[in-house]
N, C-alpha and C. Protein backbone atom coordinates (compact mmCIF):
# COMPACT_ATOMS: atom_id res chain seq x y z
N MET A 1 196.89 14.19 11.28
CA MET A 1 196.32 15.54 11.34
C MET A 1 194.81 15.46 11.15
N ASP A 2 194.08 16.09 12.05
CA ASP A 2 192.63 16.14 11.99
C ASP A 2 192.20 16.90 10.72
N LYS A 3 191.45 16.20 9.84
CA LYS A 3 191.01 16.81 8.58
C LYS A 3 190.12 18.02 8.84
N ASN A 4 189.26 17.92 9.85
CA ASN A 4 188.37 19.03 10.17
C ASN A 4 189.15 20.25 10.63
N LEU A 5 190.22 20.02 11.38
CA LEU A 5 191.06 21.13 11.85
C LEU A 5 191.72 21.82 10.67
N ARG A 6 192.22 21.04 9.74
CA ARG A 6 192.86 21.62 8.56
C ARG A 6 191.85 22.41 7.72
N GLN A 7 190.64 21.89 7.61
CA GLN A 7 189.60 22.60 6.85
C GLN A 7 189.20 23.90 7.55
N ARG A 8 189.11 23.86 8.86
CA ARG A 8 188.75 25.06 9.61
C ARG A 8 189.86 26.09 9.52
N ALA A 9 191.10 25.62 9.55
CA ALA A 9 192.24 26.52 9.42
C ALA A 9 192.22 27.21 8.05
N ALA A 10 191.88 26.46 7.03
CA ALA A 10 191.81 27.02 5.68
C ALA A 10 190.72 28.10 5.60
N GLU A 11 189.59 27.85 6.26
CA GLU A 11 188.51 28.82 6.28
C GLU A 11 188.89 30.07 7.07
N ILE A 12 189.58 29.87 8.18
CA ILE A 12 190.07 31.00 8.98
C ILE A 12 191.00 31.87 8.16
N PHE A 13 191.94 31.24 7.46
CA PHE A 13 192.89 32.00 6.64
C PHE A 13 192.15 32.77 5.54
N HIS A 14 191.21 32.10 4.89
CA HIS A 14 190.46 32.75 3.81
C HIS A 14 189.70 33.98 4.31
N ARG A 15 189.05 33.84 5.45
CA ARG A 15 188.27 34.97 5.99
C ARG A 15 189.19 36.10 6.44
N LEU A 16 190.29 35.75 7.07
CA LEU A 16 191.24 36.78 7.50
C LEU A 16 191.78 37.55 6.29
N GLN A 17 192.14 36.81 5.26
CA GLN A 17 192.71 37.45 4.07
C GLN A 17 191.67 38.32 3.36
N THR A 18 190.42 37.88 3.38
CA THR A 18 189.34 38.67 2.78
C THR A 18 189.11 39.97 3.56
N HIS A 19 189.20 39.86 4.89
CA HIS A 19 188.93 41.02 5.74
C HIS A 19 190.10 41.99 5.81
N TYR A 20 191.31 41.46 5.68
CA TYR A 20 192.51 42.30 5.74
C TYR A 20 193.32 42.14 4.44
N PRO A 21 192.78 42.62 3.32
CA PRO A 21 193.44 42.40 2.02
C PRO A 21 194.79 43.10 1.87
N ASP A 22 195.04 44.12 2.69
CA ASP A 22 196.29 44.87 2.59
C ASP A 22 197.28 44.52 3.69
N SER A 23 197.04 43.40 4.35
CA SER A 23 197.89 42.99 5.47
C SER A 23 199.34 42.79 5.03
N LYS A 24 200.26 43.36 5.77
CA LYS A 24 201.68 43.24 5.47
C LYS A 24 202.49 43.63 6.69
N CYS A 25 203.79 43.51 6.58
CA CYS A 25 204.69 43.93 7.66
C CYS A 25 204.56 45.45 7.83
N SER A 26 204.30 45.90 9.03
CA SER A 26 204.10 47.33 9.25
C SER A 26 205.39 48.07 9.61
N LEU A 27 206.48 47.34 9.73
CA LEU A 27 207.77 47.97 9.98
C LEU A 27 208.37 48.45 8.65
N VAL A 28 208.86 49.67 8.64
CA VAL A 28 209.42 50.26 7.42
C VAL A 28 210.93 49.98 7.35
N PHE A 29 211.35 49.40 6.23
CA PHE A 29 212.78 49.08 6.06
C PHE A 29 213.11 49.04 4.58
N GLN A 30 214.40 49.15 4.26
CA GLN A 30 214.86 49.03 2.88
C GLN A 30 215.84 47.88 2.69
N LYS A 31 216.55 47.53 3.76
CA LYS A 31 217.55 46.47 3.68
C LYS A 31 217.26 45.43 4.76
N PRO A 32 217.62 44.17 4.51
CA PRO A 32 217.32 43.11 5.48
C PRO A 32 217.81 43.40 6.90
N TYR A 33 219.02 43.94 7.03
CA TYR A 33 219.53 44.19 8.39
C TYR A 33 218.72 45.27 9.08
N GLU A 34 218.12 46.19 8.30
CA GLU A 34 217.28 47.22 8.89
C GLU A 34 216.02 46.60 9.50
N LEU A 35 215.46 45.59 8.82
CA LEU A 35 214.29 44.91 9.36
C LEU A 35 214.66 44.16 10.65
N LEU A 36 215.83 43.57 10.67
CA LEU A 36 216.30 42.89 11.88
C LEU A 36 216.34 43.87 13.05
N ILE A 37 216.92 45.03 12.83
CA ILE A 37 217.01 46.05 13.88
C ILE A 37 215.63 46.55 14.28
N SER A 38 214.77 46.81 13.29
CA SER A 38 213.42 47.28 13.59
C SER A 38 212.64 46.26 14.41
N THR A 39 212.83 44.98 14.11
CA THR A 39 212.13 43.93 14.85
C THR A 39 212.63 43.85 16.28
N ILE A 40 213.93 44.01 16.48
CA ILE A 40 214.48 44.06 17.84
C ILE A 40 213.86 45.23 18.60
N LEU A 41 213.76 46.36 17.95
CA LEU A 41 213.20 47.56 18.60
C LEU A 41 211.71 47.41 18.90
N SER A 42 211.01 46.57 18.14
CA SER A 42 209.56 46.47 18.27
C SER A 42 209.12 45.69 19.50
N ALA A 43 210.04 45.03 20.19
CA ALA A 43 209.68 44.29 21.40
C ALA A 43 209.15 45.25 22.46
N GLN A 44 207.94 44.96 22.96
CA GLN A 44 207.31 45.81 23.97
C GLN A 44 207.19 47.26 23.51
N CYS A 45 207.01 47.44 22.21
CA CYS A 45 206.89 48.78 21.63
C CYS A 45 206.01 48.69 20.40
N THR A 46 205.31 49.77 20.08
CA THR A 46 204.46 49.77 18.90
C THR A 46 205.30 49.94 17.63
N ASP A 47 204.82 49.34 16.54
CA ASP A 47 205.51 49.52 15.27
C ASP A 47 205.51 50.99 14.85
N LYS A 48 204.45 51.70 15.21
CA LYS A 48 204.36 53.12 14.87
C LYS A 48 205.52 53.89 15.50
N ARG A 49 205.80 53.62 16.76
CA ARG A 49 206.90 54.29 17.44
C ARG A 49 208.24 53.90 16.81
N VAL A 50 208.41 52.63 16.50
CA VAL A 50 209.65 52.16 15.88
C VAL A 50 209.87 52.90 14.56
N ASN A 51 208.80 53.02 13.77
CA ASN A 51 208.91 53.70 12.47
C ASN A 51 209.20 55.19 12.60
N GLN A 52 208.96 55.75 13.76
CA GLN A 52 209.31 57.14 14.02
C GLN A 52 210.79 57.29 14.34
N VAL A 53 211.35 56.23 14.91
CA VAL A 53 212.75 56.26 15.36
C VAL A 53 213.72 55.85 14.26
N THR A 54 213.34 54.86 13.45
CA THR A 54 214.31 54.26 12.53
C THR A 54 214.79 55.15 11.38
N PRO A 55 213.99 56.07 10.82
CA PRO A 55 214.55 56.89 9.73
C PRO A 55 215.82 57.64 10.15
N GLY A 56 215.79 58.27 11.30
CA GLY A 56 216.97 58.97 11.79
C GLY A 56 218.08 58.01 12.17
N LEU A 57 217.68 56.87 12.72
CA LEU A 57 218.67 55.87 13.14
C LEU A 57 219.44 55.32 11.95
N PHE A 58 218.71 54.98 10.89
CA PHE A 58 219.35 54.39 9.71
C PHE A 58 220.11 55.43 8.89
N LYS A 59 219.77 56.68 9.07
CA LYS A 59 220.53 57.75 8.42
C LYS A 59 221.85 57.99 9.14
N LYS A 60 221.81 57.83 10.46
CA LYS A 60 223.01 58.04 11.28
C LYS A 60 223.97 56.86 11.16
N TYR A 61 223.42 55.65 11.20
CA TYR A 61 224.23 54.42 11.09
C TYR A 61 223.81 53.73 9.79
N GLN A 62 224.59 53.84 8.75
CA GLN A 62 224.15 53.43 7.41
C GLN A 62 224.58 52.03 6.99
N THR A 63 225.31 51.33 7.84
CA THR A 63 225.76 49.97 7.53
C THR A 63 225.80 49.14 8.80
N PRO A 64 225.81 47.81 8.68
CA PRO A 64 226.01 46.98 9.87
C PRO A 64 227.31 47.34 10.60
N GLN A 65 228.35 47.68 9.83
CA GLN A 65 229.63 48.07 10.43
C GLN A 65 229.45 49.30 11.32
N ALA A 66 228.65 50.26 10.87
CA ALA A 66 228.43 51.48 11.65
C ALA A 66 227.73 51.16 12.97
N PHE A 67 226.77 50.25 12.94
CA PHE A 67 226.11 49.84 14.19
C PHE A 67 227.07 49.06 15.07
N ALA A 68 227.90 48.21 14.46
CA ALA A 68 228.87 47.43 15.23
C ALA A 68 229.87 48.33 15.94
N ASP A 69 230.22 49.45 15.31
CA ASP A 69 231.21 50.37 15.87
C ASP A 69 230.58 51.44 16.76
N ALA A 70 229.27 51.48 16.84
CA ALA A 70 228.58 52.55 17.55
C ALA A 70 228.95 52.60 19.03
N ASP A 71 229.01 53.79 19.57
CA ASP A 71 229.17 53.95 21.01
C ASP A 71 227.87 53.48 21.68
N ILE A 72 227.98 52.55 22.60
CA ILE A 72 226.79 51.90 23.15
C ILE A 72 225.88 52.89 23.87
N ASP A 73 226.47 53.84 24.58
CA ASP A 73 225.65 54.82 25.31
C ASP A 73 224.93 55.76 24.34
N GLU A 74 225.60 56.09 23.26
CA GLU A 74 224.98 56.95 22.25
C GLU A 74 223.84 56.21 21.55
N LEU A 75 224.07 54.92 21.28
CA LEU A 75 223.03 54.11 20.64
C LEU A 75 221.82 53.96 21.56
N LYS A 76 222.07 53.78 22.84
CA LYS A 76 220.97 53.69 23.81
C LYS A 76 220.12 54.95 23.77
N ASN A 77 220.78 56.08 23.71
CA ASN A 77 220.07 57.35 23.68
C ASN A 77 219.26 57.51 22.39
N ASP A 78 219.82 57.00 21.28
CA ASP A 78 219.15 57.10 19.98
C ASP A 78 217.85 56.30 19.94
N ILE A 79 217.79 55.22 20.71
CA ILE A 79 216.60 54.34 20.67
C ILE A 79 215.81 54.40 21.96
N ARG A 80 216.12 55.33 22.83
CA ARG A 80 215.53 55.40 24.17
C ARG A 80 214.00 55.35 24.15
N SER A 81 213.38 56.03 23.19
CA SER A 81 211.92 56.15 23.18
C SER A 81 211.20 54.84 22.87
N THR A 82 211.94 53.81 22.44
CA THR A 82 211.30 52.51 22.16
C THR A 82 211.22 51.64 23.41
N GLY A 83 211.81 52.10 24.52
CA GLY A 83 211.77 51.33 25.76
C GLY A 83 212.79 50.20 25.78
N PHE A 84 213.11 49.76 27.00
CA PHE A 84 214.07 48.65 27.18
C PHE A 84 215.34 48.87 26.35
N TYR A 85 215.76 50.13 26.30
CA TYR A 85 216.84 50.52 25.38
C TYR A 85 218.19 49.93 25.74
N ASN A 86 218.42 49.58 27.01
CA ASN A 86 219.70 48.97 27.38
C ASN A 86 219.88 47.62 26.69
N ASN A 87 218.87 46.76 26.83
CA ASN A 87 218.93 45.43 26.21
C ASN A 87 218.89 45.51 24.70
N LYS A 88 218.06 46.41 24.18
CA LYS A 88 217.93 46.52 22.73
C LYS A 88 219.22 47.03 22.08
N ALA A 89 219.86 48.01 22.70
CA ALA A 89 221.11 48.54 22.16
C ALA A 89 222.19 47.46 22.15
N LYS A 90 222.24 46.69 23.21
CA LYS A 90 223.22 45.60 23.29
C LYS A 90 222.94 44.55 22.20
N ALA A 91 221.65 44.20 22.02
CA ALA A 91 221.29 43.19 21.01
C ALA A 91 221.62 43.69 19.60
N ILE A 92 221.34 44.96 19.34
CA ILE A 92 221.62 45.52 18.01
C ILE A 92 223.12 45.54 17.75
N LYS A 93 223.87 46.06 18.68
CA LYS A 93 225.32 46.18 18.49
C LYS A 93 225.98 44.81 18.34
N GLU A 94 225.60 43.87 19.19
CA GLU A 94 226.23 42.54 19.15
C GLU A 94 225.81 41.75 17.92
N SER A 95 224.54 41.86 17.51
CA SER A 95 224.12 41.13 16.31
C SER A 95 224.81 41.70 15.07
N MET A 96 224.99 43.02 15.01
CA MET A 96 225.68 43.62 13.87
C MET A 96 227.17 43.26 13.87
N GLN A 97 227.75 43.13 15.06
CA GLN A 97 229.15 42.68 15.15
C GLN A 97 229.28 41.27 14.60
N ASP A 98 228.32 40.41 14.93
CA ASP A 98 228.32 39.03 14.41
C ASP A 98 228.22 39.04 12.89
N ILE A 99 227.34 39.88 12.35
CA ILE A 99 227.15 39.95 10.90
C ILE A 99 228.42 40.40 10.20
N VAL A 100 229.10 41.38 10.78
CA VAL A 100 230.34 41.89 10.19
C VAL A 100 231.45 40.86 10.27
N GLU A 101 231.58 40.22 11.43
CA GLU A 101 232.70 39.31 11.67
C GLU A 101 232.51 37.94 11.01
N LYS A 102 231.27 37.45 10.99
CA LYS A 102 231.02 36.09 10.52
C LYS A 102 230.47 36.02 9.09
N TYR A 103 229.83 37.11 8.64
CA TYR A 103 229.16 37.06 7.34
C TYR A 103 229.54 38.22 6.44
N ASN A 104 230.68 38.83 6.70
CA ASN A 104 231.21 39.89 5.83
C ASN A 104 230.21 41.04 5.64
N GLY A 105 229.44 41.31 6.70
CA GLY A 105 228.51 42.43 6.65
C GLY A 105 227.18 42.14 5.99
N ASN A 106 226.97 40.89 5.55
CA ASN A 106 225.71 40.52 4.89
C ASN A 106 224.86 39.66 5.82
N LEU A 107 223.62 40.04 6.00
CA LEU A 107 222.72 39.30 6.88
C LEU A 107 222.46 37.91 6.30
N PRO A 108 222.69 36.85 7.08
CA PRO A 108 222.43 35.49 6.59
C PRO A 108 220.93 35.28 6.37
N ASN A 109 220.59 34.29 5.55
CA ASN A 109 219.18 34.09 5.20
C ASN A 109 218.68 32.68 5.52
N THR A 110 219.20 32.10 6.60
CA THR A 110 218.64 30.84 7.08
C THR A 110 218.29 31.00 8.55
N LEU A 111 217.28 30.27 8.99
CA LEU A 111 216.86 30.33 10.39
C LEU A 111 218.01 29.92 11.31
N GLU A 112 218.71 28.87 10.91
CA GLU A 112 219.79 28.35 11.75
C GLU A 112 220.88 29.39 11.98
N GLN A 113 221.22 30.14 10.94
CA GLN A 113 222.24 31.17 11.07
C GLN A 113 221.73 32.39 11.83
N LEU A 114 220.51 32.78 11.54
CA LEU A 114 219.96 33.99 12.17
C LEU A 114 219.82 33.84 13.69
N ILE A 115 219.36 32.68 14.15
CA ILE A 115 219.16 32.53 15.59
C ILE A 115 220.47 32.37 16.35
N LYS A 116 221.57 32.23 15.63
CA LYS A 116 222.88 32.20 16.29
C LYS A 116 223.43 33.61 16.52
N LEU A 117 222.82 34.60 15.86
CA LEU A 117 223.23 35.98 16.09
C LEU A 117 222.82 36.39 17.49
N LYS A 118 223.66 37.13 18.18
CA LYS A 118 223.36 37.55 19.54
C LYS A 118 222.11 38.42 19.55
N GLY A 119 221.19 38.10 20.46
CA GLY A 119 219.98 38.90 20.61
C GLY A 119 218.88 38.58 19.63
N VAL A 120 219.04 37.53 18.83
CA VAL A 120 218.04 37.19 17.81
C VAL A 120 217.39 35.84 18.13
N GLY A 121 216.08 35.85 18.32
CA GLY A 121 215.33 34.63 18.57
C GLY A 121 214.56 34.18 17.34
N ARG A 122 213.78 33.15 17.47
CA ARG A 122 213.06 32.58 16.33
C ARG A 122 212.04 33.55 15.76
N LYS A 123 211.36 34.31 16.64
CA LYS A 123 210.35 35.26 16.13
C LYS A 123 210.99 36.28 15.22
N THR A 124 212.06 36.90 15.70
CA THR A 124 212.76 37.91 14.90
C THR A 124 213.31 37.30 13.62
N ALA A 125 213.88 36.11 13.72
CA ALA A 125 214.44 35.44 12.55
C ALA A 125 213.37 35.16 11.50
N ASN A 126 212.20 34.70 11.94
CA ASN A 126 211.12 34.40 10.99
C ASN A 126 210.54 35.65 10.35
N VAL A 127 210.51 36.76 11.10
CA VAL A 127 210.08 38.03 10.51
C VAL A 127 211.02 38.40 9.37
N VAL A 128 212.32 38.33 9.63
CA VAL A 128 213.32 38.70 8.61
C VAL A 128 213.27 37.75 7.41
N LEU A 129 213.16 36.46 7.67
CA LEU A 129 213.09 35.49 6.57
C LEU A 129 211.89 35.76 5.67
N GLY A 130 210.73 35.95 6.28
CA GLY A 130 209.52 36.11 5.50
C GLY A 130 209.43 37.43 4.75
N ASP A 131 209.80 38.52 5.43
CA ASP A 131 209.55 39.84 4.86
C ASP A 131 210.76 40.47 4.18
N ALA A 132 211.96 40.02 4.50
CA ALA A 132 213.14 40.57 3.82
C ALA A 132 213.66 39.63 2.74
N PHE A 133 213.47 38.32 2.93
CA PHE A 133 214.02 37.35 1.99
C PHE A 133 212.97 36.54 1.24
N GLY A 134 211.70 36.68 1.62
CA GLY A 134 210.66 35.91 0.95
C GLY A 134 210.71 34.43 1.24
N ILE A 135 211.31 34.07 2.36
CA ILE A 135 211.41 32.67 2.77
C ILE A 135 210.35 32.41 3.84
N PRO A 136 209.38 31.52 3.60
CA PRO A 136 208.26 31.33 4.53
C PRO A 136 208.71 30.96 5.95
N GLY A 137 208.06 31.60 6.91
CA GLY A 137 208.30 31.31 8.31
C GLY A 137 207.08 31.71 9.12
N VAL A 138 206.80 30.99 10.20
CA VAL A 138 205.66 31.30 11.07
C VAL A 138 206.15 32.14 12.24
N VAL A 139 205.67 33.37 12.30
CA VAL A 139 206.04 34.28 13.38
C VAL A 139 205.06 34.09 14.54
N VAL A 140 205.58 33.79 15.71
CA VAL A 140 204.73 33.64 16.89
C VAL A 140 205.04 34.77 17.87
N ASP A 141 204.22 35.83 17.79
CA ASP A 141 204.33 36.91 18.76
C ASP A 141 203.16 36.79 19.73
N THR A 142 202.92 37.81 20.54
CA THR A 142 201.86 37.71 21.54
C THR A 142 200.48 37.57 20.89
N HIS A 143 200.26 38.23 19.75
CA HIS A 143 198.97 38.13 19.07
C HIS A 143 198.75 36.73 18.51
N VAL A 144 199.75 36.21 17.80
CA VAL A 144 199.63 34.88 17.19
C VAL A 144 199.46 33.81 18.26
N ARG A 145 200.19 33.96 19.34
CA ARG A 145 200.07 33.01 20.45
C ARG A 145 198.65 33.02 21.02
N ARG A 146 198.11 34.20 21.26
CA ARG A 146 196.77 34.34 21.84
C ARG A 146 195.70 33.81 20.89
N LEU A 147 195.76 34.24 19.63
CA LEU A 147 194.74 33.85 18.67
C LEU A 147 194.77 32.36 18.35
N SER A 148 195.96 31.79 18.26
CA SER A 148 196.09 30.36 17.95
C SER A 148 195.41 29.51 19.01
N ASN A 149 195.55 29.92 20.27
CA ASN A 149 194.90 29.18 21.36
C ASN A 149 193.40 29.41 21.35
N ARG A 150 192.98 30.66 21.18
CA ARG A 150 191.54 30.95 21.19
C ARG A 150 190.82 30.25 20.05
N MET A 151 191.48 30.17 18.90
CA MET A 151 190.86 29.55 17.73
C MET A 151 190.96 28.03 17.73
N GLY A 152 191.61 27.48 18.75
CA GLY A 152 191.73 26.03 18.84
C GLY A 152 192.69 25.42 17.84
N LEU A 153 193.66 26.23 17.39
CA LEU A 153 194.65 25.73 16.43
C LEU A 153 195.82 25.06 17.14
N THR A 154 195.94 25.28 18.42
CA THR A 154 196.98 24.66 19.23
C THR A 154 196.52 24.65 20.68
N LYS A 155 197.08 23.72 21.44
CA LYS A 155 196.83 23.70 22.88
C LYS A 155 198.09 24.09 23.64
N ASN A 156 199.12 24.41 22.88
CA ASN A 156 200.40 24.74 23.49
C ASN A 156 200.52 26.23 23.80
N THR A 157 201.37 26.54 24.75
CA THR A 157 201.67 27.94 25.08
C THR A 157 203.11 28.30 24.77
N ASP A 158 203.95 27.29 24.58
CA ASP A 158 205.35 27.53 24.22
C ASP A 158 205.43 27.97 22.76
N PRO A 159 206.07 29.13 22.48
CA PRO A 159 206.11 29.65 21.10
C PRO A 159 206.64 28.67 20.07
N LEU A 160 207.66 27.90 20.40
CA LEU A 160 208.22 26.95 19.45
C LEU A 160 207.20 25.86 19.10
N LYS A 161 206.49 25.36 20.10
CA LYS A 161 205.49 24.32 19.85
C LYS A 161 204.30 24.88 19.06
N ILE A 162 203.93 26.14 19.35
CA ILE A 162 202.86 26.78 18.58
C ILE A 162 203.29 26.92 17.13
N GLU A 163 204.53 27.36 16.92
CA GLU A 163 205.08 27.50 15.57
C GLU A 163 205.00 26.17 14.82
N GLN A 164 205.40 25.10 15.48
CA GLN A 164 205.39 23.78 14.85
C GLN A 164 203.97 23.31 14.55
N ASP A 165 203.04 23.59 15.45
CA ASP A 165 201.64 23.21 15.23
C ASP A 165 201.07 23.94 14.02
N LEU A 166 201.32 25.23 13.93
CA LEU A 166 200.78 26.02 12.82
C LEU A 166 201.40 25.61 11.49
N MET A 167 202.66 25.23 11.52
CA MET A 167 203.34 24.77 10.30
C MET A 167 202.71 23.48 9.77
N LYS A 168 202.17 22.66 10.66
CA LYS A 168 201.53 21.42 10.24
C LYS A 168 200.13 21.66 9.66
N ILE A 169 199.46 22.71 10.15
CA ILE A 169 198.07 22.96 9.78
C ILE A 169 197.95 23.78 8.50
N PHE A 170 198.83 24.78 8.35
CA PHE A 170 198.76 25.69 7.21
C PHE A 170 199.83 25.35 6.18
N PRO A 171 199.52 25.48 4.89
CA PRO A 171 200.52 25.22 3.85
C PRO A 171 201.65 26.25 3.91
N LEU A 172 202.82 25.81 3.48
CA LEU A 172 204.04 26.63 3.56
C LEU A 172 203.86 28.01 2.95
N GLU A 173 203.17 28.12 1.84
CA GLU A 173 203.05 29.40 1.16
C GLU A 173 202.20 30.41 1.93
N GLN A 174 201.53 29.95 3.00
CA GLN A 174 200.70 30.85 3.81
C GLN A 174 201.39 31.29 5.10
N TRP A 175 202.53 30.70 5.41
CA TRP A 175 203.15 30.92 6.72
C TRP A 175 203.42 32.39 7.03
N THR A 176 204.06 33.09 6.12
CA THR A 176 204.42 34.49 6.38
C THR A 176 203.18 35.37 6.50
N MET A 177 202.24 35.22 5.59
CA MET A 177 201.03 36.03 5.61
C MET A 177 200.17 35.72 6.84
N LEU A 178 200.19 34.49 7.29
CA LEU A 178 199.41 34.10 8.46
C LEU A 178 199.74 34.99 9.66
N GLY A 179 201.02 35.25 9.86
CA GLY A 179 201.43 36.11 10.96
C GLY A 179 200.87 37.51 10.83
N HIS A 180 200.99 38.08 9.64
CA HIS A 180 200.47 39.44 9.41
C HIS A 180 198.96 39.51 9.65
N LEU A 181 198.24 38.51 9.15
CA LEU A 181 196.78 38.50 9.29
C LEU A 181 196.36 38.36 10.75
N MET A 182 197.01 37.47 11.47
CA MET A 182 196.67 37.27 12.88
C MET A 182 197.00 38.51 13.71
N ILE A 183 198.10 39.15 13.39
CA ILE A 183 198.48 40.36 14.12
C ILE A 183 197.45 41.46 13.87
N ASP A 184 197.03 41.63 12.62
CA ASP A 184 196.00 42.62 12.31
C ASP A 184 194.70 42.33 13.06
N HIS A 185 194.32 41.06 13.08
CA HIS A 185 193.08 40.67 13.74
C HIS A 185 193.21 40.82 15.26
N GLY A 186 194.38 40.51 15.77
CA GLY A 186 194.61 40.63 17.21
C GLY A 186 194.61 42.07 17.68
N ARG A 187 195.00 42.96 16.80
CA ARG A 187 195.02 44.39 17.15
C ARG A 187 193.65 45.03 17.06
N SER A 188 192.82 44.53 16.13
CA SER A 188 191.55 45.22 15.86
C SER A 188 190.33 44.56 16.52
N ILE A 189 190.29 43.24 16.56
CA ILE A 189 189.09 42.55 17.06
C ILE A 189 189.39 41.56 18.19
N CYS A 190 190.30 40.65 17.96
CA CYS A 190 190.59 39.62 18.97
C CYS A 190 191.64 40.15 19.95
N ILE A 191 191.28 41.25 20.61
CA ILE A 191 192.22 41.91 21.51
C ILE A 191 192.38 41.12 22.79
N ALA A 192 193.41 41.44 23.55
CA ALA A 192 193.80 40.60 24.68
C ALA A 192 192.76 40.56 25.80
N ARG A 193 192.36 41.71 26.30
CA ARG A 193 191.54 41.72 27.51
C ARG A 193 190.07 41.41 27.27
N LYS A 194 189.51 42.02 26.24
CA LYS A 194 188.09 41.79 25.97
C LYS A 194 187.86 41.72 24.47
N PRO A 195 188.01 40.53 23.90
CA PRO A 195 187.84 40.39 22.45
C PRO A 195 186.43 40.77 22.01
N LYS A 196 186.34 41.32 20.81
CA LYS A 196 185.05 41.79 20.28
C LYS A 196 184.35 40.66 19.51
N CYS A 197 184.05 39.59 20.23
CA CYS A 197 183.48 38.39 19.61
C CYS A 197 182.19 38.65 18.83
N PRO A 198 181.24 39.44 19.37
CA PRO A 198 179.97 39.63 18.64
C PRO A 198 180.15 40.21 17.24
N GLU A 199 181.21 41.00 17.03
CA GLU A 199 181.41 41.59 15.71
C GLU A 199 182.48 40.87 14.89
N CYS A 200 182.95 39.75 15.39
CA CYS A 200 184.02 39.01 14.70
C CYS A 200 183.46 38.13 13.59
N PHE A 201 184.09 38.19 12.44
CA PHE A 201 183.64 37.40 11.28
C PHE A 201 184.07 35.94 11.36
N LEU A 202 184.71 35.57 12.46
CA LEU A 202 185.11 34.18 12.67
C LEU A 202 184.31 33.53 13.79
N ASN A 203 183.37 34.27 14.38
CA ASN A 203 182.78 33.79 15.63
C ASN A 203 182.11 32.42 15.55
N GLU A 204 181.47 32.08 14.40
CA GLU A 204 180.76 30.80 14.39
C GLU A 204 181.69 29.61 14.14
N ILE A 205 182.96 29.88 13.83
CA ILE A 205 183.92 28.77 13.68
C ILE A 205 185.03 28.85 14.73
N CYS A 206 184.86 29.75 15.68
CA CYS A 206 185.87 29.90 16.75
C CYS A 206 185.36 29.29 18.04
N PRO A 207 186.04 28.29 18.60
CA PRO A 207 185.58 27.61 19.81
C PRO A 207 185.56 28.50 21.05
N SER A 208 186.23 29.65 20.99
CA SER A 208 186.28 30.54 22.15
C SER A 208 185.31 31.71 22.05
N ALA A 209 184.53 31.77 20.98
CA ALA A 209 183.66 32.93 20.76
C ALA A 209 182.65 33.10 21.89
N ASP A 210 182.58 34.32 22.41
CA ASP A 210 181.62 34.68 23.44
C ASP A 210 180.63 35.67 22.81
N LEU A 211 179.43 35.20 22.55
CA LEU A 211 178.43 36.02 21.88
C LEU A 211 177.36 36.54 22.84
N SER A 212 177.69 36.52 24.13
CA SER A 212 176.71 36.89 25.15
C SER A 212 176.26 38.34 25.06
N GLU A 213 177.10 39.18 24.43
CA GLU A 213 176.75 40.60 24.36
C GLU A 213 175.88 40.92 23.15
N ARG A 214 175.61 39.94 22.34
CA ARG A 214 174.83 40.18 21.13
C ARG A 214 173.39 40.51 21.45
């Protein structure tokens, strides 16, 4: 492992944490399975919209069993405003059926078990592990993928390889927070189409910084 890369990663984390001291999971939940459902709903949808939908959803379906037994067309209608509701409803219903049938209604708390649930990938599993169970995991969503490449923390584009690269660079106790910090930064400054490099507090240590507008 390049010592300079590890030192730069440590500085990046420190600056991100200083700039976003209140960074946390923006999805509202009370139980681990609720976070799983919220994360499924958040695909191609804003967390704000998800948080508007889930209070009524969790009041209507109060257990994994209730979601497992839900009428699929009714569930689709309940989550319609989050987009891609056909696939999301299927993923929610099938993952809850797995939880009921294989785990007695209790959401498992290992990556290996979570990714075996229907409709659950590594990103969703790591969100649940980190924020519902306090088990460190590196979440690689579109923001983390983009920022990791721009910051020179990885040369990979495959989410699994990016996850593995970040796990080598950052200490385990930072894994969960790293995702939150990068997502906050990706939403506010290091945006997809035209990043705000001149006003970025990482610009002099970021290999992709474009300061031409300064």
